PDB file of N, CA and C in Angstrom:
ATOM      1  N   MET A   1       8.835  -8.949  10.910  1.00  0.00           N
ATOM      2  CA  MET A   1       8.017  -9.285   9.670  1.00  0.00           C
ATOM      3  C   MET A   1       7.712 -10.966   9.828  1.00  0.00           C
ATOM      4  N   ALA A   2       8.710 -11.700  10.322  1.00  0.00           N
ATOM      5  CA  ALA A   2       8.401 -13.112  10.525  1.00  0.00           C
ATOM      6  C   ALA A   2       7.256 -13.376  11.316  1.00  0.00           C
ATOM      7  N   GLN A   3       7.179 -12.648  12.464  1.00  0.00           N
ATOM      8  CA  GLN A   3       6.018 -12.909  13.358  1.00  0.00           C
ATOM      9  C   GLN A   3       4.556 -12.262  12.576  1.00  0.00           C
ATOM     10  N   ARG A   4       4.712 -11.241  12.011  1.00  0.00           N
ATOM     11  CA  ARG A   4       3.562 -10.578  11.361  1.00  0.00           C
ATOM     12  C   ARG A   4       3.229 -11.591  10.187  1.00  0.00           C
ATOM     13  N   ALA A   5       3.856 -12.253   9.536  1.00  0.00           N
ATOM     14  CA  ALA A   5       3.588 -12.840   8.259  1.00  0.00           C
ATOM     15  C   ALA A   5       3.379 -14.292   8.635  1.00  0.00           C
ATOM     16  N   ASN A   6       3.667 -14.785   9.957  1.00  0.00           N
ATOM     17  CA  ASN A   6       3.664 -16.083  10.258  1.00  0.00           C
ATOM     18  C   ASN A   6       4.600 -16.979   9.611  1.00  0.00           C
ATOM     19  N   LEU A   7       5.918 -16.489   9.333  1.00  0.00           N
ATOM     20  CA  LEU A   7       6.910 -17.140   8.739  1.00  0.00           C
ATOM     21  C   LEU A   7       8.202 -17.666   9.752  1.00  0.00           C
ATOM     22  N   THR A   8       8.887 -18.411   9.312  1.00  0.00           N
ATOM     23  CA  THR A   8      10.159 -18.687  10.200  1.00  0.00           C
ATOM     24  C   THR A   8      11.129 -17.533   9.699  1.00  0.00           C
ATOM     25  N   LEU A   9      12.119 -17.505  10.481  1.00  0.00           N
ATOM     26  CA  LEU A   9      13.048 -16.354  10.351  1.00  0.00           C
ATOM     27  C   LEU A   9      13.742 -16.670   9.081  1.00  0.00           C
ATOM     28  N   GLU A  10      14.077 -17.895   8.731  1.00  0.00           N
ATOM     29  CA  GLU A  10      14.621 -18.072   7.281  1.00  0.00           C
ATOM     30  C   GLU A  10      13.823 -17.717   6.167  1.00  0.00           C
ATOM     31  N   GLN A  11      12.522 -17.850   6.269  1.00  0.00           N
ATOM     32  CA  GLN A  11      11.441 -17.583   5.317  1.00  0.00           C
ATOM     33  C   GLN A  11      11.275 -16.054   5.122  1.00  0.00           C
ATOM     34  N   ALA A  12      11.299 -15.414   6.346  1.00  0.00           N
ATOM     35  CA  ALA A  12      11.226 -14.140   6.162  1.00  0.00           C
ATOM     36  C   ALA A  12      12.315 -13.244   5.849  1.00  0.00           C
ATOM     37  N   LEU A  13      13.650 -13.933   5.909  1.00  0.00           N
ATOM     38  CA  LEU A  13      14.813 -13.325   5.459  1.00  0.00           C
ATOM     39  C   LEU A  13      14.785 -13.410   3.864  1.00  0.00           C
ATOM     40  N   LEU A  14      14.321 -14.705   3.288  1.00  0.00           N
ATOM     41  CA  LEU A  14      14.176 -14.762   1.997  1.00  0.00           C
ATOM     42  C   LEU A  14      13.090 -13.865   1.325  1.00  0.00           C
ATOM     43  N   GLU A  15      12.107 -13.712   2.090  1.00  0.00           N
ATOM     44  CA  GLU A  15      10.911 -12.620   1.528  1.00  0.00           C
ATOM     45  C   GLU A  15      11.487 -11.265   1.380  1.00  0.00           C
ATOM     46  N   ILE A  16      12.215 -10.794   2.449  1.00  0.00           N
ATOM     47  CA  ILE A  16      12.851  -9.596   2.387  1.00  0.00           C
ATOM     48  C   ILE A  16      13.808  -9.503   1.134  1.00  0.00           C
ATOM     49  N   GLU A  17      14.642 -10.519   1.110  1.00  0.00           N
ATOM     50  CA  GLU A  17      15.627 -10.189  -0.104  1.00  0.00           C
ATOM     51  C   GLU A  17      14.825 -10.318  -1.374  1.00  0.00           C
ATOM     52  N   LYS A  18      13.808 -10.946  -1.513  1.00  0.00           N
ATOM     53  CA  LYS A  18      12.940 -10.919  -2.735  1.00  0.00           C
ATOM     54  C   LYS A  18      12.295  -9.494  -2.875  1.00  0.00           C
ATOM     55  N   ILE A  19      11.833  -8.974  -2.004  1.00  0.00           N
ATOM     56  CA  ILE A  19      11.304  -7.584  -1.933  1.00  0.00           C
ATOM     57  C   ILE A  19      12.296  -6.428  -2.291  1.00  0.00           C
ATOM     58  N   ASP A  20      13.448  -6.654  -1.664  1.00  0.00           N
ATOM     59  CA  ASP A  20      14.579  -5.676  -1.890  1.00  0.00           C
ATOM     60  C   ASP A  20      14.997  -5.890  -3.440  1.00  0.00           C
ATOM     61  N   THR A  21      15.038  -7.022  -3.908  1.00  0.00           N
ATOM     62  CA  THR A  21      15.558  -7.476  -5.342  1.00  0.00           C
ATOM     63  C   THR A  21      14.481  -6.752  -6.306  1.00  0.00           C
ATOM     64  N   ALA A  22      13.194  -6.917  -5.992  1.00  0.00           N
ATOM     65  CA  ALA A  22      12.237  -6.236  -6.736  1.00  0.00           C
ATOM     66  C   ALA A  22      12.220  -4.810  -6.791  1.00  0.00           C
ATOM     67  N   ARG A  23      12.496  -4.173  -5.598  1.00  0.00           N
ATOM     68  CA  ARG A  23      12.596  -2.725  -5.437  1.00  0.00           C
ATOM     69  C   ARG A  23      13.627  -2.177  -6.321  1.00  0.00           C
ATOM     70  N   ASP A  24      14.699  -2.904  -6.085  1.00  0.00           N
ATOM     71  CA  ASP A  24      16.129  -2.548  -6.861  1.00  0.00           C
ATOM     72  C   ASP A  24      15.919  -2.543  -8.279  1.00  0.00           C
ATOM     73  N   THR A  25      15.266  -3.567  -8.745  1.00  0.00           N
ATOM     74  CA  THR A  25      14.908  -3.754 -10.276  1.00  0.00           C
ATOM     75  C   THR A  25      14.125  -2.686 -10.871  1.00  0.00           C
ATOM     76  N   PHE A  26      12.850  -2.501  -9.968  1.00  0.00           N
ATOM     77  CA  PHE A  26      12.023  -1.258 -10.468  1.00  0.00           C
ATOM     78  C   PHE A  26      12.708   0.038 -10.626  1.00  0.00           C
ATOM     79  N   ILE A  27      13.407   0.351  -9.511  1.00  0.00           N
ATOM     80  CA  ILE A  27      14.011   1.784  -9.691  1.00  0.00           C
ATOM     81  C   ILE A  27      15.023   1.696 -10.848  1.00  0.00           C
ATOM     82  N   TRP A  28      15.740   0.726 -11.055  1.00  0.00           N
ATOM     83  CA  TRP A  28      16.510   0.711 -12.231  1.00  0.00           C
ATOM     84  C   TRP A  28      16.087   0.691 -13.425  1.00  0.00           C
ATOM     85  N   GLN A  29      14.962   0.020 -13.727  1.00  0.00           N
ATOM     86  CA  GLN A  29      14.102  -0.018 -14.870  1.00  0.00           C
ATOM     87  C   GLN A  29      13.445   1.213 -15.203  1.00  0.00           C
ATOM     88  N   ASN A  30      12.812   2.037 -14.195  1.00  0.00           N
ATOM     89  CA  ASN A  30      12.092   3.194 -14.342  1.00  0.00           C
ATOM     90  C   ASN A  30      12.866   4.349 -14.240  1.00  0.00           C
ATOM     91  N   PHE A  31      13.923   4.389 -13.626  1.00  0.00           N
ATOM     92  CA  PHE A  31      14.664   5.510 -13.261  1.00  0.00           C
ATOM     93  C   PHE A  31      16.247   5.508 -13.632  1.00  0.00           C
ATOM     94  N   HIS A  32      16.753   4.376 -13.983  1.00  0.00           N
ATOM     95  CA  HIS A  32      18.057   4.068 -14.304  1.00  0.00           C
ATOM     96  C   HIS A  32      19.019   4.754 -13.157  1.00  0.00           C
ATOM     97  N   GLN A  33      18.558   4.261 -12.067  1.00  0.00           N
ATOM     98  CA  GLN A  33      19.216   4.772 -10.866  1.00  0.00           C
ATOM     99  C   GLN A  33      19.575   3.691  -9.934  1.00  0.00           C
ATOM    100  N   ASP A  34      20.690   3.747  -9.451  1.00  0.00           N
ATOM    101  CA  ASP A  34      21.227   2.607  -8.534  1.00  0.00           C
ATOM    102  C   ASP A  34      20.659   2.831  -7.157  1.00  0.00           C
ATOM    103  N   ILE A  35      19.821   2.219  -6.349  1.00  0.00           N
ATOM    104  CA  ILE A  35      19.150   2.478  -5.200  1.00  0.00           C
ATOM    105  C   ILE A  35      20.281   2.540  -4.052  1.00  0.00           C
ATOM    106  N   ALA A  36      21.408   1.595  -4.262  1.00  0.00           N
ATOM    107  CA  ALA A  36      22.475   1.582  -3.260  1.00  0.00           C
ATOM    108  C   ALA A  36      23.421   2.987  -3.381  1.00  0.00           C
ATOM    109  N   SER A  37      23.230   3.626  -4.343  1.00  0.00           N
ATOM    110  CA  SER A  37      24.319   4.862  -4.576  1.00  0.00           C
ATOM    111  C   SER A  37      23.901   5.896  -3.620  1.00  0.00           C
ATOM    112  N   SER A  38      24.858   6.418  -2.648  1.00  0.00           N
ATOM    113  CA  SER A  38      24.656   7.569  -1.806  1.00  0.00           C
ATOM    114  C   SER A  38      24.246   8.770  -2.408  1.00  0.00           C
ATOM    115  N   ASP A  39      24.721   8.880  -3.738  1.00  0.00           N
ATOM    116  CA  ASP A  39      24.620  10.067  -4.578  1.00  0.00           C
ATOM    117  C   ASP A  39      23.223  10.363  -4.679  1.00  0.00           C
ATOM    118  N   ASN A  40      22.269   9.402  -4.500  1.00  0.00           N
ATOM    119  CA  ASN A  40      20.781   9.518  -4.771  1.00  0.00           C
ATOM    120  C   ASN A  40      20.114   9.968  -3.527  1.00  0.00           C
ATOM    121  N   TYR A  41      20.866  10.435  -2.525  1.00  0.00           N
ATOM    122  CA  TYR A  41      20.181  10.652  -1.258  1.00  0.00           C
ATOM    123  C   TYR A  41      20.850  11.810  -0.733  1.00  0.00           C
ATOM    124  N   ASP A  42      19.869  12.790  -0.104  1.00  0.00           N
ATOM    125  CA  ASP A  42      20.410  14.125   0.616  1.00  0.00           C
ATOM    126  C   ASP A  42      20.845  13.684   1.994  1.00  0.00           C
ATOM    127  N   LEU A  43      20.367  12.872   2.506  1.00  0.00           N
ATOM    128  CA  LEU A  43      20.412  12.447   3.929  1.00  0.00           C
ATOM    129  C   LEU A  43      20.422  11.117   4.255  1.00  0.00           C
ATOM    130  N   ILE A  44      21.329  10.529   5.021  1.00  0.00           N
ATOM    131  CA  ILE A  44      21.061   8.991   5.335  1.00  0.00           C
ATOM    132  C   ILE A  44      21.226   8.992   6.741  1.00  0.00           C
ATOM    133  N   LEU A  45      20.337   8.485   7.415  1.00  0.00           N
ATOM    134  CA  LEU A  45      20.465   8.305   8.948  1.00  0.00           C
ATOM    135  C   LEU A  45      20.205   6.835   9.405  1.00  0.00           C
ATOM    136  N   ASN A  46      21.091   6.493  10.433  1.00  0.00           N
ATOM    137  CA  ASN A  46      20.764   5.108  10.951  1.00  0.00           C
ATOM    138  C   ASN A  46      19.978   5.483  12.137  1.00  0.00           C
ATOM    139  N   THR A  47      18.866   5.220  11.940  1.00  0.00           N
ATOM    140  CA  THR A  47      17.565   5.211  13.014  1.00  0.00           C
ATOM    141  C   THR A  47      17.701   4.415  14.077  1.00  0.00           C
ATOM    142  N   SER A  48      18.482   3.444  14.104  1.00  0.00           N
ATOM    143  CA  SER A  48      18.596   2.501  15.214  1.00  0.00           C
ATOM    144  C   SER A  48      19.630   3.041  16.280  1.00  0.00           C
ATOM    145  N   GLU A  49      20.207   4.108  16.030  1.00  0.00           N
ATOM    146  CA  GLU A  49      21.254   4.728  16.669  1.00  0.00           C
ATOM    147  C   GLU A  49      20.802   6.096  17.234  1.00  0.00           C
ATOM    148  N   ILE A  50      19.779   6.747  16.689  1.00  0.00           N
ATOM    149  CA  ILE A  50      19.372   7.850  17.129  1.00  0.00           C
ATOM    150  C   ILE A  50      17.746   7.863  17.444  1.00  0.00           C
ATOM    151  N   LYS A  51      17.354   8.424  18.590  1.00  0.00           N
ATOM    152  CA  LYS A  51      16.147   8.327  18.949  1.00  0.00           C
ATOM    153  C   LYS A  51      15.056   9.335  18.088  1.00  0.00           C
ATOM    154  N   LEU A  52      13.959   9.044  18.118  1.00  0.00           N
ATOM    155  CA  LEU A  52      12.936   9.723  17.295  1.00  0.00           C
ATOM    156  C   LEU A  52      13.034  11.442  17.452  1.00  0.00           C
ATOM    157  N   GLU A  53      13.286  11.942  18.596  1.00  0.00           N
ATOM    158  CA  GLU A  53      13.330  13.473  18.678  1.00  0.00           C
ATOM    159  C   GLU A  53      14.604  13.898  17.919  1.00  0.00           C
ATOM    160  N   GLY A  54      15.667  13.095  18.106  1.00  0.00           N
ATOM    161  CA  GLY A  54      16.952  13.466  17.447  1.00  0.00           C
ATOM    162  C   GLY A  54      16.872  13.313  15.802  1.00  0.00           C
ATOM    163  N   THR A  55      16.116  12.258  15.294  1.00  0.00           N
ATOM    164  CA  THR A  55      16.096  12.154  14.058  1.00  0.00           C
ATOM    165  C   THR A  55      15.269  13.127  13.472  1.00  0.00           C
ATOM    166  N   THR A  56      14.101  13.503  14.116  1.00  0.00           N
ATOM    167  CA  THR A  56      13.272  14.612  13.656  1.00  0.00           C
ATOM    168  C   THR A  56      13.967  15.917  13.483  1.00  0.00           C
ATOM    169  N   ARG A  57      14.855  16.249  14.617  1.00  0.00           N
ATOM    170  CA  ARG A  57      15.459  17.472  14.728  1.00  0.00           C
ATOM    171  C   ARG A  57      16.588  17.706  13.294  1.00  0.00           C
ATOM    172  N   ILE A  58      17.094  16.555  13.131  1.00  0.00           N
ATOM    173  CA  ILE A  58      18.208  16.392  12.102  1.00  0.00           C
ATOM    174  C   ILE A  58      17.474  16.612  10.822  1.00  0.00           C
ATOM    175  N   VAL A  59      16.375  15.964  10.601  1.00  0.00           N
ATOM    176  CA  VAL A  59      15.629  16.016   9.426  1.00  0.00           C
ATOM    177  C   VAL A  59      15.045  17.344   9.016  1.00  0.00           C
ATOM    178  N   LEU A  60      14.540  17.966  10.083  1.00  0.00           N
ATOM    179  CA  LEU A  60      14.077  19.425   9.968  1.00  0.00           C
ATOM    180  C   LEU A  60      15.029  20.427   9.663  1.00  0.00           C
ATOM    181  N   ASP A  61      16.391  20.284  10.468  1.00  0.00           N
ATOM    182  CA  ASP A  61      17.507  21.075  10.197  1.00  0.00           C
ATOM    183  C   ASP A  61      17.797  20.980   8.707  1.00  0.00           C
ATOM    184  N   ALA A  62      18.028  19.693   8.151  1.00  0.00           N
ATOM    185  CA  ALA A  62      18.342  19.585   6.724  1.00  0.00           C
ATOM    186  C   ALA A  62      17.506  20.141   5.788  1.00  0.00           C
ATOM    187  N   ILE A  63      16.060  19.959   6.084  1.00  0.00           N
ATOM    188  CA  ILE A  63      15.135  20.590   5.120  1.00  0.00           C
ATOM    189  C   ILE A  63      15.205  22.044   5.115  1.00  0.00           C
ATOM    190  N   GLN A  64      15.462  22.834   6.328  1.00  0.00           N
ATOM    191  CA  GLN A  64      15.433  24.103   6.489  1.00  0.00           C
ATOM    192  C   GLN A  64      16.639  24.557   5.902  1.00  0.00           C
ATOM    193  N   GLU A  65      17.821  23.884   5.915  1.00  0.00           N
ATOM    194  CA  GLU A  65      19.251  24.366   5.383  1.00  0.00           C
ATOM    195  C   GLU A  65      18.871  24.409   3.653  1.00  0.00           C
ATOM    196  N   LYS A  66      18.292  23.311   3.188  1.00  0.00           N
ATOM    197  CA  LYS A  66      18.205  22.854   1.745  1.00  0.00           C
ATOM    198  C   LYS A  66      17.156  24.015   1.169  1.00  0.00           C
ATOM    199  N   LEU A  67      16.097  24.462   1.897  1.00  0.00           N
ATOM    200  CA  LEU A  67      15.198  25.372   1.427  1.00  0.00           C
ATOM    201  C   LEU A  67      15.487  26.806   1.903  1.00  0.00           C
ATOM    202  N   GLY A  68      16.687  27.053   2.558  1.00  0.00           N
ATOM    203  CA  GLY A  68      17.198  28.256   2.963  1.00  0.00           C
ATOM    204  C   GLY A  68      16.144  28.901   3.907  1.00  0.00           C
ATOM    205  N   VAL A  69      15.474  28.208   4.604  1.00  0.00           N
ATOM    206  CA  VAL A  69      14.385  28.655   5.665  1.00  0.00           C
ATOM    207  C   VAL A  69      15.274  28.730   7.111  1.00  0.00           C
ATOM    208  N   SER A  70      14.997  30.037   7.737  1.00  0.00           N
ATOM    209  CA  SER A  70      15.698  30.137   8.918  1.00  0.00           C
ATOM    210  C   SER A  70      14.701  29.817  10.233  1.00  0.00           C
ATOM    211  N   ALA A  71      15.248  29.027  11.067  1.00  0.00           N
ATOM    212  CA  ALA A  71      14.391  28.750  12.337  1.00  0.00           C
ATOM    213  C   ALA A  71      14.635  29.692  13.619  1.00  0.00           C
ATOM    214  N   LYS A  72      15.649  30.553  13.183  1.00  0.00           N
ATOM    215  CA  LYS A  72      15.974  31.593  14.476  1.00  0.00           C
ATOM    216  C   LYS A  72      14.856  32.357  15.144  1.00  0.00           C
ATOM    217  N   ASN A  73      13.755  32.621  14.509  1.00  0.00           N
ATOM    218  CA  ASN A  73      12.826  33.372  15.057  1.00  0.00           C
ATOM    219  C   ASN A  73      11.653  32.373  15.450  1.00  0.00           C
ATOM    220  N   ARG A  74      11.950  31.068  15.157  1.00  0.00           N
ATOM    221  CA  ARG A  74      10.691  30.073  15.508  1.00  0.00           C
ATOM    222  C   ARG A  74      11.097  29.310  16.802  1.00  0.00           C
ATOM    223  N   PRO A  75      10.186  29.472  17.799  1.00  0.00           N
ATOM    224  CA  PRO A  75      10.492  28.434  18.979  1.00  0.00           C
ATOM    225  C   PRO A  75      10.519  26.928  18.533  1.00  0.00           C
ATOM    226  N   ALA A  76      11.247  26.311  19.328  1.00  0.00           N
ATOM    227  CA  ALA A  76      11.585  24.915  18.925  1.00  0.00           C
ATOM    228  C   ALA A  76      10.398  24.012  18.866  1.00  0.00           C
ATOM    229  N   SER A  77       9.394  24.463  19.770  1.00  0.00           N
ATOM    230  CA  SER A  77       8.115  23.623  19.512  1.00  0.00           C
ATOM    231  C   SER A  77       7.179  24.052  18.551  1.00  0.00           C
ATOM    232  N   ALA A  78       7.461  25.255  17.703  1.00  0.00           N
ATOM    233  CA  ALA A  78       6.664  25.723  16.745  1.00  0.00           C
ATOM    234  C   ALA A  78       6.639  24.932  15.535  1.00  0.00           C
ATOM    235  N   PRO A  79       5.601  24.769  14.552  1.00  0.00           N
ATOM    236  CA  PRO A  79       5.649  24.119  13.469  1.00  0.00           C
ATOM    237  C   PRO A  79       6.522  24.876  12.339  1.00  0.00           C
ATOM    238  N   LEU A  80       6.863  24.220  11.494  1.00  0.00           N
ATOM    239  CA  LEU A  80       7.603  24.921  10.353  1.00  0.00           C
ATOM    240  C   LEU A  80       6.773  25.851   9.428  1.00  0.00           C
ATOM    241  N   ALA A  81       5.309  25.245   9.134  1.00  0.00           N
ATOM    242  CA  ALA A  81       4.519  26.175   8.354  1.00  0.00           C
ATOM    243  C   ALA A  81       3.377  26.711   9.156  1.00  0.00           C
ATOM    244  N   PRO A  82       2.917  27.941   8.830  1.00  0.00           N
ATOM    245  CA  PRO A  82       1.821  28.623   9.646  1.00  0.00           C
ATOM    246  C   PRO A  82       0.603  27.854   9.554  1.00  0.00           C
TER     247      PRO A  82
END
């Protein structure tokens, strides 16, 4: 963000904090939910530790499990929907 917005690292960190606070406030005011509560999420992934392919596989598996969709008869490269 610092490079894109032509900011110093300190300015960028302050801007990120400002945006995060505004986002938290919006969610609380409109939905009365704490954005930091893990109860509000079905799945949380640290994508800095998992490659894109692994992340995609985990997310698709979670969606299939939640929706009760079986992938047994679907080749790994086939899309979920026809």
